[in-house]
PDB file of N, CA and C in Angstrom:
ATOM      1  N   UNK A   1     -44.385  11.744   0.177  1.00  0.00           N
ATOM      2  CA  UNK A   1     -43.147  11.322  -0.435  1.00  0.00           C
ATOM      3  C   UNK A   1     -42.632  10.102   0.340  1.00  0.00           C
ATOM      4  N   UNK A   2     -42.217   9.051  -0.396  1.00  0.00           N
ATOM      5  CA  UNK A   2     -41.689   7.869   0.292  1.00  0.00           C
ATOM      6  C   UNK A   2     -40.428   8.213   1.091  1.00  0.00           C
ATOM      7  N   UNK A   3     -40.161   7.482   2.170  1.00  0.00           N
ATOM      8  CA  UNK A   3     -39.021   7.807   3.024  1.00  0.00           C
ATOM      9  C   UNK A   3     -37.666   7.722   2.294  1.00  0.00           C
ATOM     10  N   UNK A   4     -37.504   6.800   1.351  1.00  0.00           N
ATOM     11  CA  UNK A   4     -36.227   6.697   0.657  1.00  0.00           C
ATOM     12  C   UNK A   4     -35.950   7.920  -0.203  1.00  0.00           C
ATOM     13  N   UNK A   5     -36.960   8.443  -0.852  1.00  0.00           N
ATOM     14  CA  UNK A   5     -36.778   9.646  -1.658  1.00  0.00           C
ATOM     15  C   UNK A   5     -36.513  10.853  -0.781  1.00  0.00           C
ATOM     16  N   UNK A   6     -37.154  10.913   0.355  1.00  0.00           N
ATOM     17  CA  UNK A   6     -36.946  12.044   1.250  1.00  0.00           C
ATOM     18  C   UNK A   6     -35.525  12.035   1.804  1.00  0.00           C
ATOM     19  N   UNK A   7     -34.980  10.854   2.074  1.00  0.00           N
ATOM     20  CA  UNK A   7     -33.632  10.768   2.629  1.00  0.00           C
ATOM     21  C   UNK A   7     -32.573  11.075   1.579  1.00  0.00           C
ATOM     22  N   UNK A   8     -32.849  10.802   0.328  1.00  0.00           N
ATOM     23  CA  UNK A   8     -31.836  10.993  -0.697  1.00  0.00           C
ATOM     24  C   UNK A   8     -31.972  12.309  -1.440  1.00  0.00           C
ATOM     25  N   UNK A   9     -32.934  13.133  -1.089  1.00  0.00           N
ATOM     26  CA  UNK A   9     -33.139  14.357  -1.851  1.00  0.00           C
ATOM     27  C   UNK A   9     -32.258  15.508  -1.370  1.00  0.00           C
ATOM     28  N   UNK A  10     -31.513  15.356  -0.290  1.00  0.00           N
ATOM     29  CA  UNK A  10     -30.647  16.416   0.214  1.00  0.00           C
ATOM     30  C   UNK A  10     -29.360  16.513  -0.586  1.00  0.00           C
ATOM     31  N   UNK A  11     -28.626  17.568  -0.345  1.00  0.00           N
ATOM     32  CA  UNK A  11     -27.352  17.763  -1.027  1.00  0.00           C
ATOM     33  C   UNK A  11     -26.319  16.791  -0.456  1.00  0.00           C
ATOM     34  N   UNK A  12     -25.407  16.370  -1.305  1.00  0.00           N
ATOM     35  CA  UNK A  12     -24.362  15.429  -0.889  1.00  0.00           C
ATOM     36  C   UNK A  12     -23.269  16.134  -0.104  1.00  0.00           C
ATOM     37  N   UNK A  13     -22.261  15.377   0.297  1.00  0.00           N
ATOM     38  CA  UNK A  13     -21.146  15.972   1.040  1.00  0.00           C
ATOM     39  C   UNK A  13     -20.409  17.001   0.183  1.00  0.00           C
ATOM     40  N   UNK A  14     -19.937  18.049   0.821  1.00  0.00           N
ATOM     41  CA  UNK A  14     -19.252  19.102   0.076  1.00  0.00           C
ATOM     42  C   UNK A  14     -17.784  18.729  -0.170  1.00  0.00           C
ATOM     43  N   UNK A  15     -17.069  19.580  -0.849  1.00  0.00           N
ATOM     44  CA  UNK A  15     -15.685  19.322  -1.237  1.00  0.00           C
ATOM     45  C   UNK A  15     -14.774  19.195  -0.023  1.00  0.00           C
ATOM     46  N   UNK A  16     -15.020  19.983   0.996  1.00  0.00           N
ATOM     47  CA  UNK A  16     -14.194  19.913   2.203  1.00  0.00           C
ATOM     48  C   UNK A  16     -14.266  18.553   2.877  1.00  0.00           C
ATOM     49  N   UNK A  17     -15.444  17.955   2.882  1.00  0.00           N
ATOM     50  CA  UNK A  17     -15.607  16.630   3.473  1.00  0.00           C
ATOM     51  C   UNK A  17     -14.824  15.595   2.678  1.00  0.00           C
ATOM     52  N   UNK A  18     -14.880  15.678   1.352  1.00  0.00           N
ATOM     53  CA  UNK A  18     -14.147  14.725   0.519  1.00  0.00           C
ATOM     54  C   UNK A  18     -12.640  14.885   0.686  1.00  0.00           C
ATOM     55  N   UNK A  19     -12.161  16.122   0.777  1.00  0.00           N
ATOM     56  CA  UNK A  19     -10.733  16.348   0.970  1.00  0.00           C
ATOM     57  C   UNK A  19     -10.268  15.836   2.322  1.00  0.00           C
ATOM     58  N   UNK A  20     -11.079  16.035   3.350  1.00  0.00           N
ATOM     59  CA  UNK A  20     -10.740  15.518   4.677  1.00  0.00           C
ATOM     60  C   UNK A  20     -10.690  13.995   4.667  1.00  0.00           C
ATOM     61  N   UNK A  21     -11.653  13.376   4.013  1.00  0.00           N
ATOM     62  CA  UNK A  21     -11.676  11.916   3.912  1.00  0.00           C
ATOM     63  C   UNK A  21     -10.455  11.397   3.143  1.00  0.00           C
ATOM     64  N   UNK A  22     -10.087  12.062   2.056  1.00  0.00           N
ATOM     65  CA  UNK A  22      -8.913  11.660   1.279  1.00  0.00           C
ATOM     66  C   UNK A  22      -7.636  11.833   2.099  1.00  0.00           C
ATOM     67  N   UNK A  23      -7.529  12.926   2.860  1.00  0.00           N
ATOM     68  CA  UNK A  23      -6.348  13.154   3.691  1.00  0.00           C
ATOM     69  C   UNK A  23      -6.236  12.102   4.786  1.00  0.00           C
ATOM     70  N   UNK A  24      -7.339  11.760   5.443  1.00  0.00           N
ATOM     71  CA  UNK A  24      -7.324  10.746   6.490  1.00  0.00           C
ATOM     72  C   UNK A  24      -6.956   9.373   5.936  1.00  0.00           C
ATOM     73  N   UNK A  25      -7.465   9.058   4.753  1.00  0.00           N
ATOM     74  CA  UNK A  25      -7.134   7.783   4.114  1.00  0.00           C
ATOM     75  C   UNK A  25      -5.649   7.710   3.773  1.00  0.00           C
ATOM     76  N   UNK A  26      -5.099   8.785   3.245  1.00  0.00           N
ATOM     77  CA  UNK A  26      -3.683   8.823   2.887  1.00  0.00           C
ATOM     78  C   UNK A  26      -2.798   8.694   4.120  1.00  0.00           C
ATOM     79  N   UNK A  27      -3.121   9.424   5.171  1.00  0.00           N
ATOM     80  CA  UNK A  27      -2.338   9.345   6.408  1.00  0.00           C
ATOM     81  C   UNK A  27      -2.439   7.950   7.009  1.00  0.00           C
ATOM     82  N   UNK A  28      -3.635   7.363   6.976  1.00  0.00           N
ATOM     83  CA  UNK A  28      -3.805   6.006   7.485  1.00  0.00           C
ATOM     84  C   UNK A  28      -2.980   4.997   6.711  1.00  0.00           C
ATOM     85  N   UNK A  29      -2.922   5.135   5.391  1.00  0.00           N
ATOM     86  CA  UNK A  29      -2.122   4.224   4.576  1.00  0.00           C
ATOM     87  C   UNK A  29      -0.633   4.393   4.853  1.00  0.00           C
ATOM     88  N   UNK A  30      -0.171   5.635   5.016  1.00  0.00           N
ATOM     89  CA  UNK A  30       1.242   5.857   5.313  1.00  0.00           C
ATOM     90  C   UNK A  30       1.620   5.283   6.674  1.00  0.00           C
ATOM     91  N   UNK A  31       0.743   5.407   7.667  1.00  0.00           N
ATOM     92  CA  UNK A  31       0.992   4.798   8.978  1.00  0.00           C
ATOM     93  C   UNK A  31       1.045   3.280   8.827  1.00  0.00           C
ATOM     94  N   UNK A  32       0.148   2.726   8.040  1.00  0.00           N
ATOM     95  CA  UNK A  32       0.141   1.289   7.777  1.00  0.00           C
ATOM     96  C   UNK A  32       1.462   0.854   7.139  1.00  0.00           C
ATOM     97  N   UNK A  33       1.979   1.647   6.205  1.00  0.00           N
ATOM     98  CA  UNK A  33       3.237   1.311   5.526  1.00  0.00           C
ATOM     99  C   UNK A  33       4.443   1.440   6.451  1.00  0.00           C
ATOM    100  N   UNK A  34       4.377   2.332   7.431  1.00  0.00           N
ATOM    101  CA  UNK A  34       5.482   2.478   8.375  1.00  0.00           C
ATOM    102  C   UNK A  34       5.504   1.289   9.333  1.00  0.00           C
ATOM    103  N   UNK A  35       4.336   0.833   9.765  1.00  0.00           N
ATOM    104  CA  UNK A  35       4.262  -0.285  10.710  1.00  0.00           C
ATOM    105  C   UNK A  35       4.525  -1.611  10.008  1.00  0.00           C
ATOM    106  N   UNK A  36       3.893  -1.832   8.863  1.00  0.00           N
ATOM    107  CA  UNK A  36       4.052  -3.075   8.100  1.00  0.00           C
ATOM    108  C   UNK A  36       4.607  -2.739   6.719  1.00  0.00           C
ATOM    109  N   UNK A  37       5.938  -2.632   6.578  1.00  0.00           N
ATOM    110  CA  UNK A  37       6.504  -2.183   5.304  1.00  0.00           C
ATOM    111  C   UNK A  37       6.449  -3.226   4.191  1.00  0.00           C
ATOM    112  N   UNK A  38       6.293  -4.494   4.521  1.00  0.00           N
ATOM    113  CA  UNK A  38       6.307  -5.531   3.494  1.00  0.00           C
ATOM    114  C   UNK A  38       4.927  -6.144   3.304  1.00  0.00           C
ATOM    115  N   UNK A  39       4.680  -6.598   2.088  1.00  0.00           N
ATOM    116  CA  UNK A  39       3.452  -7.317   1.778  1.00  0.00           C
ATOM    117  C   UNK A  39       3.849  -8.655   1.156  1.00  0.00           C
ATOM    118  N   UNK A  40       2.929  -9.593   1.142  1.00  0.00           N
ATOM    119  CA  UNK A  40       3.205 -10.894   0.533  1.00  0.00           C
ATOM    120  C   UNK A  40       3.351 -10.723  -0.973  1.00  0.00           C
ATOM    121  N   UNK A  41       4.281 -11.460  -1.535  1.00  0.00           N
ATOM    122  CA  UNK A  41       4.518 -11.416  -2.975  1.00  0.00           C
ATOM    123  C   UNK A  41       3.253 -11.889  -3.697  1.00  0.00           C
ATOM    124  N   UNK A  42       2.882 -11.177  -4.740  1.00  0.00           N
ATOM    125  CA  UNK A  42       1.666 -11.543  -5.473  1.00  0.00           C
ATOM    126  C   UNK A  42       1.846 -12.786  -6.332  1.00  0.00           C
ATOM    127  N   UNK A  43       3.064 -13.027  -6.756  1.00  0.00           N
ATOM    128  CA  UNK A  43       3.286 -14.157  -7.653  1.00  0.00           C
ATOM    129  C   UNK A  43       3.317 -15.484  -6.892  1.00  0.00           C
ATOM    130  N   UNK A  44       4.041 -15.525  -5.775  1.00  0.00           N
ATOM    131  CA  UNK A  44       4.176 -16.787  -5.030  1.00  0.00           C
ATOM    132  C   UNK A  44       3.300 -16.822  -3.779  1.00  0.00           C
ATOM    133  N   UNK A  45       2.529 -15.774  -3.539  1.00  0.00           N
ATOM    134  CA  UNK A  45       1.617 -15.672  -2.397  1.00  0.00           C
ATOM    135  C   UNK A  45       2.339 -15.779  -1.060  1.00  0.00           C
ATOM    136  N   UNK A  46       3.565 -15.259  -0.992  1.00  0.00           N
ATOM    137  CA  UNK A  46       4.310 -15.208   0.251  1.00  0.00           C
ATOM    138  C   UNK A  46       5.111 -16.449   0.582  1.00  0.00           C
ATOM    139  N   UNK A  47       5.112 -17.452  -0.274  1.00  0.00           N
ATOM    140  CA  UNK A  47       5.853 -18.676  -0.004  1.00  0.00           C
ATOM    141  C   UNK A  47       7.326 -18.492  -0.372  1.00  0.00           C
ATOM    142  N   UNK A  48       7.610 -17.824  -1.470  1.00  0.00           N
ATOM    143  CA  UNK A  48       8.981 -17.574  -1.888  1.00  0.00           C
ATOM    144  C   UNK A  48       9.544 -18.606  -2.835  1.00  0.00           C
ATOM    145  N   UNK A  49       8.820 -19.675  -3.083  1.00  0.00           N
ATOM    146  CA  UNK A  49       9.326 -20.704  -3.989  1.00  0.00           C
ATOM    147  C   UNK A  49       8.174 -21.409  -4.689  1.00  0.00           C
ATOM    148  N   UNK A  50       8.523 -22.087  -5.788  1.00  0.00           N
ATOM    149  CA  UNK A  50       7.561 -22.857  -6.571  1.00  0.00           C
ATOM    150  C   UNK A  50       8.093 -24.265  -6.745  1.00  0.00           C
ATOM    151  N   UNK A  51       7.188 -25.187  -6.936  1.00  0.00           N
ATOM    152  CA  UNK A  51       7.589 -26.550  -7.263  1.00  0.00           C
ATOM    153  C   UNK A  51       7.942 -26.578  -8.745  1.00  0.00           C
ATOM    154  N   UNK A  52       9.075 -27.155  -9.079  1.00  0.00           N
ATOM    155  CA  UNK A  52       9.525 -27.228 -10.463  1.00  0.00           C
ATOM    156  C   UNK A  52       8.551 -28.078 -11.278  1.00  0.00           C
ATOM    157  N   UNK A  53       8.516 -27.899 -12.592  1.00  0.00           N
ATOM    158  CA  UNK A  53       7.599 -28.678 -13.426  1.00  0.00           C
ATOM    159  C   UNK A  53       7.788 -30.195 -13.291  1.00  0.00           C
ATOM    160  N   UNK A  54       9.003 -30.631 -12.982  1.00  0.00           N
ATOM    161  CA  UNK A  54       9.231 -32.072 -12.829  1.00  0.00           C
ATOM    162  C   UNK A  54       8.608 -32.602 -11.539  1.00  0.00           C
ATOM    163  N   UNK A  55       8.349 -31.700 -10.592  1.00  0.00           N
ATOM    164  CA  UNK A  55       7.761 -32.109  -9.329  1.00  0.00           C
ATOM    165  C   UNK A  55       8.770 -32.605  -8.310  1.00  0.00           C
ATOM    166  N   UNK A  56      10.057 -32.550  -8.627  1.00  0.00           N
ATOM    167  CA  UNK A  56      11.083 -33.074  -7.732  1.00  0.00           C
ATOM    168  C   UNK A  56      11.898 -31.991  -7.039  1.00  0.00           C
ATOM    169  N   UNK A  57      11.880 -30.793  -7.536  1.00  0.00           N
ATOM    170  CA  UNK A  57      12.733 -29.743  -6.980  1.00  0.00           C
ATOM    171  C   UNK A  57      11.939 -28.456  -6.817  1.00  0.00           C
ATOM    172  N   UNK A  58      12.480 -27.587  -5.994  1.00  0.00           N
ATOM    173  CA  UNK A  58      11.895 -26.273  -5.783  1.00  0.00           C
ATOM    174  C   UNK A  58      12.736 -25.237  -6.498  1.00  0.00           C
ATOM    175  N   UNK A  59      12.095 -24.176  -6.941  1.00  0.00           N
ATOM    176  CA  UNK A  59      12.831 -23.045  -7.489  1.00  0.00           C
ATOM    177  C   UNK A  59      12.314 -21.786  -6.822  1.00  0.00           C
ATOM    178  N   UNK A  60      13.187 -20.799  -6.687  1.00  0.00           N
ATOM    179  CA  UNK A  60      12.812 -19.555  -6.028  1.00  0.00           C
ATOM    180  C   UNK A  60      11.974 -18.681  -6.943  1.00  0.00           C
ATOM    181  N   UNK A  61      11.129 -17.888  -6.329  1.00  0.00           N
ATOM    182  CA  UNK A  61      10.288 -16.938  -7.065  1.00  0.00           C
ATOM    183  C   UNK A  61      11.176 -15.854  -7.671  1.00  0.00           C
ATOM    184  N   UNK A  62      10.943 -15.514  -8.930  1.00  0.00           N
ATOM    185  CA  UNK A  62      11.744 -14.498  -9.611  1.00  0.00           C
ATOM    186  C   UNK A  62      11.409 -13.093  -9.132  1.00  0.00           C
ATOM    187  N   UNK A  63      10.179 -12.859  -8.763  1.00  0.00           N
ATOM    188  CA  UNK A  63       9.758 -11.515  -8.416  1.00  0.00           C
ATOM    189  C   UNK A  63      10.282 -11.075  -7.048  1.00  0.00           C
ATOM    190  N   UNK A  64      10.250 -11.969  -6.056  1.00  0.00           N
ATOM    191  CA  UNK A  64      10.688 -11.597  -4.708  1.00  0.00           C
ATOM    192  C   UNK A  64      12.029 -12.226  -4.348  1.00  0.00           C
ATOM    193  N   UNK A  65      12.658 -12.908  -5.264  1.00  0.00           N
ATOM    194  CA  UNK A  65      13.941 -13.601  -5.093  1.00  0.00           C
ATOM    195  C   UNK A  65      13.943 -14.551  -3.901  1.00  0.00           C
ATOM    196  N   UNK A  66      12.822 -15.203  -3.667  1.00  0.00           N
ATOM    197  CA  UNK A  66      12.732 -16.226  -2.637  1.00  0.00           C
ATOM    198  C   UNK A  66      12.434 -15.728  -1.246  1.00  0.00           C
ATOM    199  N   UNK A  67      12.266 -14.428  -1.064  1.00  0.00           N
ATOM    200  CA  UNK A  67      11.971 -13.899   0.270  1.00  0.00           C
ATOM    201  C   UNK A  67      10.504 -14.072   0.638  1.00  0.00           C
ATOM    202  N   UNK A  68       9.618 -14.036  -0.336  1.00  0.00           N
ATOM    203  CA  UNK A  68       8.189 -14.156  -0.081  1.00  0.00           C
ATOM    204  C   UNK A  68       7.529 -12.845   0.269  1.00  0.00           C
ATOM    205  N   UNK A  69       8.283 -11.769   0.297  1.00  0.00           N
ATOM    206  CA  UNK A  69       7.733 -10.463   0.654  1.00  0.00           C
ATOM    207  C   UNK A  69       8.300  -9.399  -0.277  1.00  0.00           C
ATOM    208  N   UNK A  70       7.510  -8.348  -0.482  1.00  0.00           N
ATOM    209  CA  UNK A  70       7.935  -7.224  -1.304  1.00  0.00           C
ATOM    210  C   UNK A  70       7.630  -5.935  -0.554  1.00  0.00           C
ATOM    211  N   UNK A  71       8.455  -4.933  -0.781  1.00  0.00           N
ATOM    212  CA  UNK A  71       8.273  -3.642  -0.146  1.00  0.00           C
ATOM    213  C   UNK A  71       7.046  -2.948  -0.738  1.00  0.00           C
ATOM    214  N   UNK A  72       6.209  -2.398   0.121  1.00  0.00           N
ATOM    215  CA  UNK A  72       4.999  -1.702  -0.336  1.00  0.00           C
ATOM    216  C   UNK A  72       5.371  -0.415  -1.065  1.00  0.00           C
ATOM    217  N   UNK A  73       4.512   0.010  -1.975  1.00  0.00           N
ATOM    218  CA  UNK A  73       4.723   1.247  -2.719  1.00  0.00           C
ATOM    219  C   UNK A  73       4.736   2.446  -1.782  1.00  0.00           C
ATOM    220  N   UNK A  74       3.838   2.456  -0.825  1.00  0.00           N
ATOM    221  CA  UNK A  74       3.795   3.558   0.138  1.00  0.00           C
ATOM    222  C   UNK A  74       5.064   3.649   0.964  1.00  0.00           C
ATOM    223  N   UNK A  75       5.665   2.514   1.279  1.00  0.00           N
ATOM    224  CA  UNK A  75       6.915   2.525   2.041  1.00  0.00           C
ATOM    225  C   UNK A  75       8.053   3.056   1.178  1.00  0.00           C
ATOM    226  N   UNK A  76       8.042   2.754  -0.118  1.00  0.00           N
ATOM    227  CA  UNK A  76       9.058   3.320  -1.011  1.00  0.00           C
ATOM    228  C   UNK A  76       8.936   4.840  -1.057  1.00  0.00           C
ATOM    229  N   UNK A  77       7.712   5.337  -1.122  1.00  0.00           N
ATOM    230  CA  UNK A  77       7.476   6.786  -1.140  1.00  0.00           C
ATOM    231  C   UNK A  77       7.943   7.400   0.173  1.00  0.00           C
ATOM    232  N   UNK A  78       7.597   6.772   1.298  1.00  0.00           N
ATOM    233  CA  UNK A  78       7.990   7.264   2.623  1.00  0.00           C
ATOM    234  C   UNK A  78       9.518   7.338   2.732  1.00  0.00           C
ATOM    235  N   UNK A  79      10.214   6.303   2.289  1.00  0.00           N
ATOM    236  CA  UNK A  79      11.667   6.275   2.371  1.00  0.00           C
ATOM    237  C   UNK A  79      12.275   7.344   1.470  1.00  0.00           C
ATOM    238  N   UNK A  80      11.737   7.531   0.280  1.00  0.00           N
ATOM    239  CA  UNK A  80      12.247   8.557  -0.635  1.00  0.00           C
ATOM    240  C   UNK A  80      12.095   9.946  -0.029  1.00  0.00           C
ATOM    241  N   UNK A  81      10.928  10.237   0.585  1.00  0.00           N
ATOM    242  CA  UNK A  81      10.705  11.541   1.214  1.00  0.00           C
ATOM    243  C   UNK A  81      11.665  11.736   2.381  1.00  0.00           C
ATOM    244  N   UNK A  82      11.829  10.697   3.192  1.00  0.00           N
ATOM    245  CA  UNK A  82      12.714  10.785   4.351  1.00  0.00           C
ATOM    246  C   UNK A  82      14.160  11.004   3.933  1.00  0.00           C
ATOM    247  N   UNK A  83      14.621  10.281   2.911  1.00  0.00           N
ATOM    248  CA  UNK A  83      15.998  10.441   2.447  1.00  0.00           C
ATOM    249  C   UNK A  83      16.227  11.796   1.795  1.00  0.00           C
ATOM    250  N   UNK A  84      15.249  12.307   1.071  1.00  0.00           N
ATOM    251  CA  UNK A  84      15.355  13.625   0.453  1.00  0.00           C
ATOM    252  C   UNK A  84      15.452  14.694   1.527  1.00  0.00           C
ATOM    253  N   UNK A  85      14.638  14.557   2.565  1.00  0.00           N
ATOM    254  CA  UNK A  85      14.656  15.524   3.660  1.00  0.00           C
ATOM    255  C   UNK A  85      16.006  15.487   4.375  1.00  0.00           C
ATOM    256  N   UNK A  86      16.527  14.294   4.642  1.00  0.00           N
ATOM    257  CA  UNK A  86      17.825  14.162   5.312  1.00  0.00           C
ATOM    258  C   UNK A  86      18.949  14.713   4.434  1.00  0.00           C
ATOM    259  N   UNK A  87      18.873  14.477   3.136  1.00  0.00           N
ATOM    260  CA  UNK A  87      19.888  14.979   2.210  1.00  0.00           C
ATOM    261  C   UNK A  87      19.881  16.507   2.188  1.00  0.00           C
ATOM    262  N   UNK A  88      18.693  17.108   2.190  1.00  0.00           N
ATOM    263  CA  UNK A  88      18.594  18.561   2.164  1.00  0.00           C
ATOM    264  C   UNK A  88      19.072  19.179   3.470  1.00  0.00           C
ATOM    265  N   UNK A  89      18.861  18.497   4.597  1.00  0.00           N
ATOM    266  CA  UNK A  89      19.331  19.009   5.884  1.00  0.00           C
ATOM    267  C   UNK A  89      20.847  18.991   5.959  1.00  0.00           C
ATOM    268  N   UNK A  90      21.479  17.969   5.379  1.00  0.00           N
ATOM    269  CA  UNK A  90      22.932  17.862   5.437  1.00  0.00           C
ATOM    270  C   UNK A  90      23.638  18.807   4.484  1.00  0.00           C
ATOM    271  N   UNK A  91      22.948  19.304   3.483  1.00  0.00           N
ATOM    272  CA  UNK A  91      23.578  20.194   2.492  1.00  0.00           C
ATOM    273  C   UNK A  91      23.353  21.674   2.790  1.00  0.00           C
ATOM    274  N   UNK A  92      22.922  22.015   3.951  1.00  0.00           N
ATOM    275  CA  UNK A  92      22.694  23.424   4.274  1.00  0.00           C
ATOM    276  C   UNK A  92      23.982  24.131   4.534  1.00  0.00           C
TER     277      UNK A  92
END
């Protein structure tokens, strides 16, 4: 049997391995969102402004309102969970 067939004929990773990998990826992304909460705006590529069609003036990006950065989705989720937890602690 050729070596490539022999190496690929075994059983693949089980469900526990996939769940562990998914959990590690999720935790890694949440840590990334806590450290770096903002990402560059996709529309203006982080510049925050565009050159007007006349070529003489600048206008601000509509999506990021001229900041050049947008809050990551994971950071929004993190903040929502944190605020919900704080709200529930205060209402006991």
